[in-house]
Amino acid sequence: MIHAEDIDGIYQRAIDIGGRSSSLPSDWTVPHPEGLGTIKFRT
């Protein structure tokens, strides 16, 4: 697991130099552990 700022750029560089795609960059959410709404990620 890598935290990064430029998800789309990292993904594209990885694929361009021989990485194999598993999932395209996309946004998703999970419930906040203290019930404060949702946490949004890009992965």
ModelCIF file with pLDDT and N, C-alpha, C, O atoms, coordinates in Angstrom:
data_MODEL
#
_entry.id   MODEL 
#
_entity.id                         1 
_entity.type                       polymer 
_entity.pdbx_number_of_molecules   1 
#
_entity_poly.entity_id                      1 
_entity_poly.type                           'polypeptide(L)' 
_entity_poly.nstd_linkage                   no 
_entity_poly.nstd_monomer                   no 
_entity_poly.pdbx_seq_one_letter_code       MIHAEDIDGIYQRAIDIGGRSSSLPSDWTVPHPEGLGTIKFRT 
_entity_poly.pdbx_seq_one_letter_code_can   MIHAEDIDGIYQRAIDIGGRSSSLPSDWTVPHPEGLGTIKFRT 
_entity_poly.pdbx_strand_id                 A 
#
loop_
_entity_poly_seq.entity_id 
_entity_poly_seq.num 
_entity_poly_seq.mon_id 
_entity_poly_seq.hetero 
1 1  MET n 
1 2  ILE n 
1 3  HIS n 
1 4  ALA n 
1 5  GLU n 
1 6  ASP n 
1 7  ILE n 
1 8  ASP n 
1 9  GLY n 
1 10 ILE n 
1 11 TYR n 
1 12 GLN n 
1 13 ARG n 
1 14 ALA n 
1 15 ILE n 
1 16 ASP n 
1 17 ILE n 
1 18 GLY n 
1 19 GLY n 
1 20 ARG n 
1 21 SER n 
1 22 SER n 
1 23 SER n 
1 24 LEU n 
1 25 PRO n 
1 26 SER n 
1 27 ASP n 
1 28 TRP n 
1 29 THR n 
1 30 VAL n 
1 31 PRO n 
1 32 HIS n 
1 33 PRO n 
1 34 GLU n 
1 35 GLY n 
1 36 LEU n 
1 37 GLY n 
1 38 THR n 
1 39 ILE n 
1 40 LYS n 
1 41 PHE n 
1 42 ARG n 
1 43 THR n 
#
_struct_asym.id          A 
_struct_asym.entity_id   1 
#
loop_
_ma_qa_metric.id 
_ma_qa_metric.mode 
_ma_qa_metric.name 
_ma_qa_metric.software_group_id 
_ma_qa_metric.type 
1 global pLDDT . pLDDT 
2 local  pLDDT . pLDDT 
#
_ma_qa_metric_global.metric_id      1 
_ma_qa_metric_global.metric_value   94.51 
_ma_qa_metric_global.model_id       1 
_ma_qa_metric_global.ordinal_id     1 
#
loop_
_ma_qa_metric_local.label_asym_id 
_ma_qa_metric_local.label_comp_id 
_ma_qa_metric_local.label_seq_id 
_ma_qa_metric_local.metric_id 
_ma_qa_metric_local.metric_value 
_ma_qa_metric_local.model_id 
_ma_qa_metric_local.ordinal_id 
A MET 1  2 93.00 1 1  
A ILE 2  2 94.00 1 2  
A HIS 3  2 94.00 1 3  
A ALA 4  2 94.00 1 4  
A GLU 5  2 94.00 1 5  
A ASP 6  2 96.00 1 6  
A ILE 7  2 97.00 1 7  
A ASP 8  2 98.00 1 8  
A GLY 9  2 97.00 1 9  
A ILE 10 2 97.00 1 10 
A TYR 11 2 98.00 1 11 
A GLN 12 2 98.00 1 12 
A ARG 13 2 97.00 1 13 
A ALA 14 2 97.00 1 14 
A ILE 15 2 97.00 1 15 
A ASP 16 2 98.00 1 16 
A ILE 17 2 96.00 1 17 
A GLY 18 2 95.00 1 18 
A GLY 19 2 96.00 1 19 
A ARG 20 2 95.00 1 20 
A SER 21 2 96.00 1 21 
A SER 22 2 95.00 1 22 
A SER 23 2 95.00 1 23 
A LEU 24 2 97.00 1 24 
A PRO 25 2 98.00 1 25 
A SER 26 2 97.00 1 26 
A ASP 27 2 97.00 1 27 
A TRP 28 2 96.00 1 28 
A THR 29 2 94.00 1 29 
A VAL 30 2 93.00 1 30 
A PRO 31 2 92.00 1 31 
A HIS 32 2 89.00 1 32 
A PRO 33 2 88.00 1 33 
A GLU 34 2 86.00 1 34 
A GLY 35 2 86.00 1 35 
A LEU 36 2 86.00 1 36 
A GLY 37 2 89.00 1 37 
A THR 38 2 92.00 1 38 
A ILE 39 2 93.00 1 39 
A LYS 40 2 95.00 1 40 
A PHE 41 2 95.00 1 41 
A ARG 42 2 97.00 1 42 
A THR 43 2 97.00 1 43 
#
loop_
_atom_site.group_PDB 
_atom_site.id 
_atom_site.type_symbol 
_atom_site.label_atom_id 
_atom_site.label_alt_id 
_atom_site.label_comp_id 
_atom_site.label_asym_id 
_atom_site.label_entity_id 
_atom_site.label_seq_id 
_atom_site.pdbx_PDB_ins_code 
_atom_site.Cartn_x 
_atom_site.Cartn_y 
_atom_site.Cartn_z 
_atom_site.occupancy 
_atom_site.B_iso_or_equiv 
_atom_site.pdbx_formal_charge 
_atom_site.auth_seq_id 
_atom_site.auth_comp_id 
_atom_site.auth_asym_id 
_atom_site.auth_atom_id 
_atom_site.pdbx_PDB_model_num 
ATOM 1   N N  . MET A 1 1  ? 0.851   -1.193 0.000   1.00 93.00 ? 1  MET A N  1 
ATOM 2   C CA . MET A 1 1  ? 0.000   0.000  0.000   1.00 93.00 ? 1  MET A CA 1 
ATOM 3   C C  . MET A 1 1  ? 0.886   1.242  0.000   1.00 93.00 ? 1  MET A C  1 
ATOM 4   O O  . MET A 1 1  ? 1.735   1.412  0.875   1.00 93.00 ? 1  MET A O  1 
ATOM 5   N N  . ILE A 1 2  ? 0.680   2.101  -0.986  1.00 94.00 ? 2  ILE A N  1 
ATOM 6   C CA . ILE A 1 2  ? 1.479   3.306  -1.133  1.00 94.00 ? 2  ILE A CA 1 
ATOM 7   C C  . ILE A 1 2  ? 0.547   4.518  -1.119  1.00 94.00 ? 2  ILE A C  1 
ATOM 8   O O  . ILE A 1 2  ? -0.405  4.584  -1.896  1.00 94.00 ? 2  ILE A O  1 
ATOM 9   N N  . HIS A 1 3  ? 0.826   5.472  -0.235  1.00 94.00 ? 3  HIS A N  1 
ATOM 10  C CA . HIS A 1 3  ? 0.090   6.736  -0.258  1.00 94.00 ? 3  HIS A CA 1 
ATOM 11  C C  . HIS A 1 3  ? 0.772   7.630  -1.280  1.00 94.00 ? 3  HIS A C  1 
ATOM 12  O O  . HIS A 1 3  ? 1.998   7.746  -1.288  1.00 94.00 ? 3  HIS A O  1 
ATOM 13  N N  . ALA A 1 4  ? -0.017  8.261  -2.141  1.00 94.00 ? 4  ALA A N  1 
ATOM 14  C CA . ALA A 1 4  ? 0.549   9.119  -3.182  1.00 94.00 ? 4  ALA A CA 1 
ATOM 15  C C  . ALA A 1 4  ? -0.421  10.241 -3.507  1.00 94.00 ? 4  ALA A C  1 
ATOM 16  O O  . ALA A 1 4  ? -1.614  10.153 -3.215  1.00 94.00 ? 4  ALA A O  1 
ATOM 17  N N  . GLU A 1 5  ? 0.096   11.282 -4.108  1.00 94.00 ? 5  GLU A N  1 
ATOM 18  C CA . GLU A 1 5  ? -0.739  12.408 -4.522  1.00 94.00 ? 5  GLU A CA 1 
ATOM 19  C C  . GLU A 1 5  ? -1.273  12.228 -5.935  1.00 94.00 ? 5  GLU A C  1 
ATOM 20  O O  . GLU A 1 5  ? -2.452  12.480 -6.184  1.00 94.00 ? 5  GLU A O  1 
ATOM 21  N N  . ASP A 1 6  ? -0.427  11.797 -6.865  1.00 96.00 ? 6  ASP A N  1 
ATOM 22  C CA . ASP A 1 6  ? -0.788  11.721 -8.284  1.00 96.00 ? 6  ASP A CA 1 
ATOM 23  C C  . ASP A 1 6  ? -1.114  10.277 -8.675  1.00 96.00 ? 6  ASP A C  1 
ATOM 24  O O  . ASP A 1 6  ? -0.306  9.607  -9.317  1.00 96.00 ? 6  ASP A O  1 
ATOM 25  N N  . ILE A 1 7  ? -2.273  9.813  -8.296  1.00 97.00 ? 7  ILE A N  1 
ATOM 26  C CA . ILE A 1 7  ? -2.681  8.423  -8.545  1.00 97.00 ? 7  ILE A CA 1 
ATOM 27  C C  . ILE A 1 7  ? -2.683  8.120  -10.042 1.00 97.00 ? 7  ILE A C  1 
ATOM 28  O O  . ILE A 1 7  ? -2.155  7.092  -10.468 1.00 97.00 ? 7  ILE A O  1 
ATOM 29  N N  . ASP A 1 8  ? -3.269  9.002  -10.832 1.00 98.00 ? 8  ASP A N  1 
ATOM 30  C CA . ASP A 1 8  ? -3.368  8.764  -12.276 1.00 98.00 ? 8  ASP A CA 1 
ATOM 31  C C  . ASP A 1 8  ? -1.991  8.720  -12.937 1.00 98.00 ? 8  ASP A C  1 
ATOM 32  O O  . ASP A 1 8  ? -1.739  7.869  -13.790 1.00 98.00 ? 8  ASP A O  1 
ATOM 33  N N  . GLY A 1 9  ? -1.101  9.634  -12.547 1.00 97.00 ? 9  GLY A N  1 
ATOM 34  C CA . GLY A 1 9  ? 0.249   9.664  -13.117 1.00 97.00 ? 9  GLY A CA 1 
ATOM 35  C C  . GLY A 1 9  ? 1.057   8.437  -12.750 1.00 97.00 ? 9  GLY A C  1 
ATOM 36  O O  . GLY A 1 9  ? 1.741   7.865  -13.599 1.00 97.00 ? 9  GLY A O  1 
ATOM 37  N N  . ILE A 1 10 ? 0.983   8.024  -11.486 1.00 97.00 ? 10 ILE A N  1 
ATOM 38  C CA . ILE A 1 10 ? 1.709   6.827  -11.044 1.00 97.00 ? 10 ILE A CA 1 
ATOM 39  C C  . ILE A 1 10 ? 1.196   5.602  -11.782 1.00 97.00 ? 10 ILE A C  1 
ATOM 40  O O  . ILE A 1 10 ? 1.981   4.791  -12.272 1.00 97.00 ? 10 ILE A O  1 
ATOM 41  N N  . TYR A 1 11 ? -0.114  5.470  -11.860 1.00 98.00 ? 11 TYR A N  1 
ATOM 42  C CA . TYR A 1 11 ? -0.708  4.323  -12.559 1.00 98.00 ? 11 TYR A CA 1 
ATOM 43  C C  . TYR A 1 11 ? -0.225  4.274  -14.012 1.00 98.00 ? 11 TYR A C  1 
ATOM 44  O O  . TYR A 1 11 ? 0.186   3.220  -14.497 1.00 98.00 ? 11 TYR A O  1 
ATOM 45  N N  . GLN A 1 12 ? -0.275  5.407  -14.697 1.00 98.00 ? 12 GLN A N  1 
ATOM 46  C CA . GLN A 1 12 ? 0.120   5.428  -16.109 1.00 98.00 ? 12 GLN A CA 1 
ATOM 47  C C  . GLN A 1 12 ? 1.599   5.094  -16.281 1.00 98.00 ? 12 GLN A C  1 
ATOM 48  O O  . GLN A 1 12 ? 1.958   4.344  -17.189 1.00 98.00 ? 12 GLN A O  1 
ATOM 49  N N  . ARG A 1 13 ? 2.470   5.646  -15.417 1.00 97.00 ? 13 ARG A N  1 
ATOM 50  C CA . ARG A 1 13 ? 3.896   5.319  -15.508 1.00 97.00 ? 13 ARG A CA 1 
ATOM 51  C C  . ARG A 1 13 ? 4.117   3.827  -15.282 1.00 97.00 ? 13 ARG A C  1 
ATOM 52  O O  . ARG A 1 13 ? 4.902   3.199  -15.993 1.00 97.00 ? 13 ARG A O  1 
ATOM 53  N N  . ALA A 1 14 ? 3.431   3.264  -14.300 1.00 97.00 ? 14 ALA A N  1 
ATOM 54  C CA . ALA A 1 14 ? 3.587   1.830  -14.007 1.00 97.00 ? 14 ALA A CA 1 
ATOM 55  C C  . ALA A 1 14 ? 3.212   0.982  -15.204 1.00 97.00 ? 14 ALA A C  1 
ATOM 56  O O  . ALA A 1 14 ? 3.940   0.054  -15.559 1.00 97.00 ? 14 ALA A O  1 
ATOM 57  N N  . ILE A 1 15 ? 2.099   1.283  -15.823 1.00 97.00 ? 15 ILE A N  1 
ATOM 58  C CA . ILE A 1 15 ? 1.635   0.503  -16.977 1.00 97.00 ? 15 ILE A CA 1 
ATOM 59  C C  . ILE A 1 15 ? 2.576   0.703  -18.166 1.00 97.00 ? 15 ILE A C  1 
ATOM 60  O O  . ILE A 1 15 ? 2.886   -0.249 -18.882 1.00 97.00 ? 15 ILE A O  1 
ATOM 61  N N  . ASP A 1 16 ? 3.029   1.936  -18.373 1.00 98.00 ? 16 ASP A N  1 
ATOM 62  C CA . ASP A 1 16 ? 3.919   2.248  -19.504 1.00 98.00 ? 16 ASP A CA 1 
ATOM 63  C C  . ASP A 1 16 ? 5.245   1.508  -19.436 1.00 98.00 ? 16 ASP A C  1 
ATOM 64  O O  . ASP A 1 16 ? 5.840   1.229  -20.477 1.00 98.00 ? 16 ASP A O  1 
ATOM 65  N N  . ILE A 1 17 ? 5.732   1.178  -18.226 1.00 96.00 ? 17 ILE A N  1 
ATOM 66  C CA . ILE A 1 17 ? 7.051   0.535  -18.130 1.00 96.00 ? 17 ILE A CA 1 
ATOM 67  C C  . ILE A 1 17 ? 6.985   -0.926 -17.685 1.00 96.00 ? 17 ILE A C  1 
ATOM 68  O O  . ILE A 1 17 ? 7.964   -1.463 -17.166 1.00 96.00 ? 17 ILE A O  1 
ATOM 69  N N  . GLY A 1 18 ? 5.844   -1.563 -17.886 1.00 95.00 ? 18 GLY A N  1 
ATOM 70  C CA . GLY A 1 18 ? 5.795   -3.007 -17.669 1.00 95.00 ? 18 GLY A CA 1 
ATOM 71  C C  . GLY A 1 18 ? 4.946   -3.492 -16.517 1.00 95.00 ? 18 GLY A C  1 
ATOM 72  O O  . GLY A 1 18 ? 4.866   -4.699 -16.289 1.00 95.00 ? 18 GLY A O  1 
ATOM 73  N N  . GLY A 1 19 ? 4.304   -2.591 -15.777 1.00 96.00 ? 19 GLY A N  1 
ATOM 74  C CA . GLY A 1 19 ? 3.363   -3.034 -14.760 1.00 96.00 ? 19 GLY A CA 1 
ATOM 75  C C  . GLY A 1 19 ? 2.101   -3.571 -15.431 1.00 96.00 ? 19 GLY A C  1 
ATOM 76  O O  . GLY A 1 19 ? 1.812   -3.228 -16.577 1.00 96.00 ? 19 GLY A O  1 
ATOM 77  N N  . ARG A 1 20 ? 1.360   -4.401 -14.732 1.00 95.00 ? 20 ARG A N  1 
ATOM 78  C CA . ARG A 1 20 ? 0.136   -4.988 -15.280 1.00 95.00 ? 20 ARG A CA 1 
ATOM 79  C C  . ARG A 1 20 ? -1.065  -4.483 -14.490 1.00 95.00 ? 20 ARG A C  1 
ATOM 80  O O  . ARG A 1 20 ? -1.121  -4.635 -13.269 1.00 95.00 ? 20 ARG A O  1 
ATOM 81  N N  . SER A 1 21 ? -2.013  -3.890 -15.181 1.00 96.00 ? 21 SER A N  1 
ATOM 82  C CA . SER A 1 21 ? -3.159  -3.264 -14.539 1.00 96.00 ? 21 SER A CA 1 
ATOM 83  C C  . SER A 1 21 ? -4.024  -4.271 -13.783 1.00 96.00 ? 21 SER A C  1 
ATOM 84  O O  . SER A 1 21 ? -4.247  -5.395 -14.234 1.00 96.00 ? 21 SER A O  1 
ATOM 85  N N  . SER A 1 22 ? -4.500  -3.833 -12.624 1.00 95.00 ? 22 SER A N  1 
ATOM 86  C CA . SER A 1 22 ? -5.513  -4.581 -11.895 1.00 95.00 ? 22 SER A CA 1 
ATOM 87  C C  . SER A 1 22 ? -6.792  -3.764 -11.836 1.00 95.00 ? 22 SER A C  1 
ATOM 88  O O  . SER A 1 22 ? -7.871  -4.282 -12.128 1.00 95.00 ? 22 SER A O  1 
ATOM 89  N N  . SER A 1 23 ? -6.685  -2.475 -11.458 1.00 95.00 ? 23 SER A N  1 
ATOM 90  C CA . SER A 1 23 ? -7.860  -1.597 -11.492 1.00 95.00 ? 23 SER A CA 1 
ATOM 91  C C  . SER A 1 23 ? -7.434  -0.190 -11.899 1.00 95.00 ? 23 SER A C  1 
ATOM 92  O O  . SER A 1 23 ? -6.414  0.321  -11.436 1.00 95.00 ? 23 SER A O  1 
ATOM 93  N N  . LEU A 1 24 ? -8.212  0.417  -12.755 1.00 97.00 ? 24 LEU A N  1 
ATOM 94  C CA . LEU A 1 24 ? -7.971  1.783  -13.204 1.00 97.00 ? 24 LEU A CA 1 
ATOM 95  C C  . LEU A 1 24 ? -8.144  2.745  -12.034 1.00 97.00 ? 24 LEU A C  1 
ATOM 96  O O  . LEU A 1 24 ? -8.813  2.404  -11.058 1.00 97.00 ? 24 LEU A O  1 
ATOM 97  N N  . PRO A 1 25 ? -7.559  3.934  -12.107 1.00 98.00 ? 25 PRO A N  1 
ATOM 98  C CA . PRO A 1 25 ? -7.788  4.923  -11.054 1.00 98.00 ? 25 PRO A CA 1 
ATOM 99  C C  . PRO A 1 25 ? -9.279  5.215  -10.901 1.00 98.00 ? 25 PRO A C  1 
ATOM 100 O O  . PRO A 1 25 ? -9.971  5.487  -11.881 1.00 98.00 ? 25 PRO A O  1 
ATOM 101 N N  . SER A 1 26 ? -9.764  5.156  -9.666  1.00 97.00 ? 26 SER A N  1 
ATOM 102 C CA . SER A 1 26 ? -11.183 5.419  -9.415  1.00 97.00 ? 26 SER A CA 1 
ATOM 103 C C  . SER A 1 26 ? -11.371 5.922  -7.994  1.00 97.00 ? 26 SER A C  1 
ATOM 104 O O  . SER A 1 26 ? -10.522 5.718  -7.126  1.00 97.00 ? 26 SER A O  1 
ATOM 105 N N  . ASP A 1 27 ? -12.506 6.587  -7.774  1.00 97.00 ? 27 ASP A N  1 
ATOM 106 C CA . ASP A 1 27 ? -12.860 7.110  -6.456  1.00 97.00 ? 27 ASP A CA 1 
ATOM 107 C C  . ASP A 1 27 ? -13.794 6.128  -5.767  1.00 97.00 ? 27 ASP A C  1 
ATOM 108 O O  . ASP A 1 27 ? -14.587 5.446  -6.417  1.00 97.00 ? 27 ASP A O  1 
ATOM 109 N N  . TRP A 1 28 ? -13.693 6.062  -4.440  1.00 96.00 ? 28 TRP A N  1 
ATOM 110 C CA . TRP A 1 28 ? -14.551 5.183  -3.650  1.00 96.00 ? 28 TRP A CA 1 
ATOM 111 C C  . TRP A 1 28 ? -14.639 5.723  -2.227  1.00 96.00 ? 28 TRP A C  1 
ATOM 112 O O  . TRP A 1 28 ? -13.847 6.578  -1.830  1.00 96.00 ? 28 TRP A O  1 
ATOM 113 N N  . THR A 1 29 ? -15.602 5.222  -1.464  1.00 94.00 ? 29 THR A N  1 
ATOM 114 C CA . THR A 1 29 ? -15.803 5.716  -0.109  1.00 94.00 ? 29 THR A CA 1 
ATOM 115 C C  . THR A 1 29 ? -15.962 4.563  0.872   1.00 94.00 ? 29 THR A C  1 
ATOM 116 O O  . THR A 1 29 ? -16.321 3.445  0.501   1.00 94.00 ? 29 THR A O  1 
ATOM 117 N N  . VAL A 1 30 ? -15.683 4.872  2.134   1.00 93.00 ? 30 VAL A N  1 
ATOM 118 C CA . VAL A 1 30 ? -15.959 3.962  3.253   1.00 93.00 ? 30 VAL A CA 1 
ATOM 119 C C  . VAL A 1 30 ? -16.585 4.810  4.362   1.00 93.00 ? 30 VAL A C  1 
ATOM 120 O O  . VAL A 1 30 ? -16.349 6.016  4.431   1.00 93.00 ? 30 VAL A O  1 
ATOM 121 N N  . PRO A 1 31 ? -17.383 4.182  5.227   1.00 92.00 ? 31 PRO A N  1 
ATOM 122 C CA . PRO A 1 31 ? -17.944 4.942  6.342   1.00 92.00 ? 31 PRO A CA 1 
ATOM 123 C C  . PRO A 1 31 ? -16.837 5.370  7.308   1.00 92.00 ? 31 PRO A C  1 
ATOM 124 O O  . PRO A 1 31 ? -15.889 4.623  7.552   1.00 92.00 ? 31 PRO A O  1 
ATOM 125 N N  . HIS A 1 32 ? -16.969 6.569  7.848   1.00 89.00 ? 32 HIS A N  1 
ATOM 126 C CA . HIS A 1 32 ? -16.038 7.047  8.867   1.00 89.00 ? 32 HIS A CA 1 
ATOM 127 C C  . HIS A 1 32 ? -16.191 6.158  10.104  1.00 89.00 ? 32 HIS A C  1 
ATOM 128 O O  . HIS A 1 32 ? -17.320 5.833  10.473  1.00 89.00 ? 32 HIS A O  1 
ATOM 129 N N  . PRO A 1 33 ? -15.085 5.750  10.763  1.00 88.00 ? 33 PRO A N  1 
ATOM 130 C CA . PRO A 1 33 ? -15.198 4.826  11.900  1.00 88.00 ? 33 PRO A CA 1 
ATOM 131 C C  . PRO A 1 33 ? -15.965 5.395  13.097  1.00 88.00 ? 33 PRO A C  1 
ATOM 132 O O  . PRO A 1 33 ? -16.417 4.640  13.957  1.00 88.00 ? 33 PRO A O  1 
ATOM 133 N N  . GLU A 1 34 ? -16.113 6.722  13.156  1.00 86.00 ? 34 GLU A N  1 
ATOM 134 C CA . GLU A 1 34 ? -16.847 7.336  14.266  1.00 86.00 ? 34 GLU A CA 1 
ATOM 135 C C  . GLU A 1 34 ? -18.208 7.855  13.820  1.00 86.00 ? 34 GLU A C  1 
ATOM 136 O O  . GLU A 1 34 ? -18.823 8.670  14.508  1.00 86.00 ? 34 GLU A O  1 
ATOM 137 N N  . GLY A 1 35 ? -18.680 7.379  12.657  1.00 86.00 ? 35 GLY A N  1 
ATOM 138 C CA . GLY A 1 35 ? -19.998 7.780  12.186  1.00 86.00 ? 35 GLY A CA 1 
ATOM 139 C C  . GLY A 1 35 ? -20.086 9.206  11.701  1.00 86.00 ? 35 GLY A C  1 
ATOM 140 O O  . GLY A 1 35 ? -21.167 9.794  11.743  1.00 86.00 ? 35 GLY A O  1 
ATOM 141 N N  . LEU A 1 36 ? -18.991 9.791  11.239  1.00 86.00 ? 36 LEU A N  1 
ATOM 142 C CA . LEU A 1 36 ? -18.954 11.188 10.809  1.00 86.00 ? 36 LEU A CA 1 
ATOM 143 C C  . LEU A 1 36 ? -19.185 11.351 9.310   1.00 86.00 ? 36 LEU A C  1 
ATOM 144 O O  . LEU A 1 36 ? -18.719 12.331 8.729   1.00 86.00 ? 36 LEU A O  1 
ATOM 145 N N  . GLY A 1 37 ? -19.873 10.444 8.683   1.00 89.00 ? 37 GLY A N  1 
ATOM 146 C CA . GLY A 1 37 ? -20.088 10.515 7.242   1.00 89.00 ? 37 GLY A CA 1 
ATOM 147 C C  . GLY A 1 37 ? -19.219 9.497  6.535   1.00 89.00 ? 37 GLY A C  1 
ATOM 148 O O  . GLY A 1 37 ? -19.055 8.374  7.011   1.00 89.00 ? 37 GLY A O  1 
ATOM 149 N N  . THR A 1 38 ? -18.657 9.892  5.389   1.00 92.00 ? 38 THR A N  1 
ATOM 150 C CA . THR A 1 38 ? -17.833 8.971  4.623   1.00 92.00 ? 38 THR A CA 1 
ATOM 151 C C  . THR A 1 38 ? -16.459 9.560  4.352   1.00 92.00 ? 38 THR A C  1 
ATOM 152 O O  . THR A 1 38 ? -16.279 10.776 4.292   1.00 92.00 ? 38 THR A O  1 
ATOM 153 N N  . ILE A 1 39 ? -15.500 8.666  4.190   1.00 93.00 ? 39 ILE A N  1 
ATOM 154 C CA . ILE A 1 39 ? -14.138 9.029  3.809   1.00 93.00 ? 39 ILE A CA 1 
ATOM 155 C C  . ILE A 1 39 ? -14.000 8.686  2.335   1.00 93.00 ? 39 ILE A C  1 
ATOM 156 O O  . ILE A 1 39 ? -14.352 7.584  1.916   1.00 93.00 ? 39 ILE A O  1 
ATOM 157 N N  . LYS A 1 40 ? -13.492 9.622  1.550   1.00 95.00 ? 40 LYS A N  1 
ATOM 158 C CA . LYS A 1 40 ? -13.370 9.418  0.109   1.00 95.00 ? 40 LYS A CA 1 
ATOM 159 C C  . LYS A 1 40 ? -11.907 9.240  -0.275  1.00 95.00 ? 40 LYS A C  1 
ATOM 160 O O  . LYS A 1 40 ? -11.041 9.986  0.182   1.00 95.00 ? 40 LYS A O  1 
ATOM 161 N N  . PHE A 1 41 ? -11.638 8.242  -1.119  1.00 95.00 ? 41 PHE A N  1 
ATOM 162 C CA . PHE A 1 41 ? -10.298 7.921  -1.595  1.00 95.00 ? 41 PHE A CA 1 
ATOM 163 C C  . PHE A 1 41 ? -10.274 7.884  -3.119  1.00 95.00 ? 41 PHE A C  1 
ATOM 164 O O  . PHE A 1 41 ? -11.310 7.751  -3.771  1.00 95.00 ? 41 PHE A O  1 
ATOM 165 N N  . ARG A 1 42 ? -9.084  8.002  -3.665  1.00 97.00 ? 42 ARG A N  1 
ATOM 166 C CA . ARG A 1 42 ? -8.820  7.695  -5.075  1.00 97.00 ? 42 ARG A CA 1 
ATOM 167 C C  . ARG A 1 42 ? -7.727  6.635  -5.069  1.00 97.00 ? 42 ARG A C  1 
ATOM 168 O O  . ARG A 1 42 ? -6.686  6.805  -4.433  1.00 97.00 ? 42 ARG A O  1 
ATOM 169 N N  . THR A 1 43 ? -7.976  5.536  -5.787  1.00 97.00 ? 43 THR A N  1 
ATOM 170 C CA . THR A 1 43 ? -7.074  4.388  -5.752  1.00 97.00 ? 43 THR A CA 1 
ATOM 171 C C  . THR A 1 43 ? -6.907  3.797  -7.142  1.00 97.00 ? 43 THR A C  1 
ATOM 172 O O  . THR A 1 43 ? -6.181  2.817  -7.313  1.00 97.00 ? 43 THR A O  1 
#
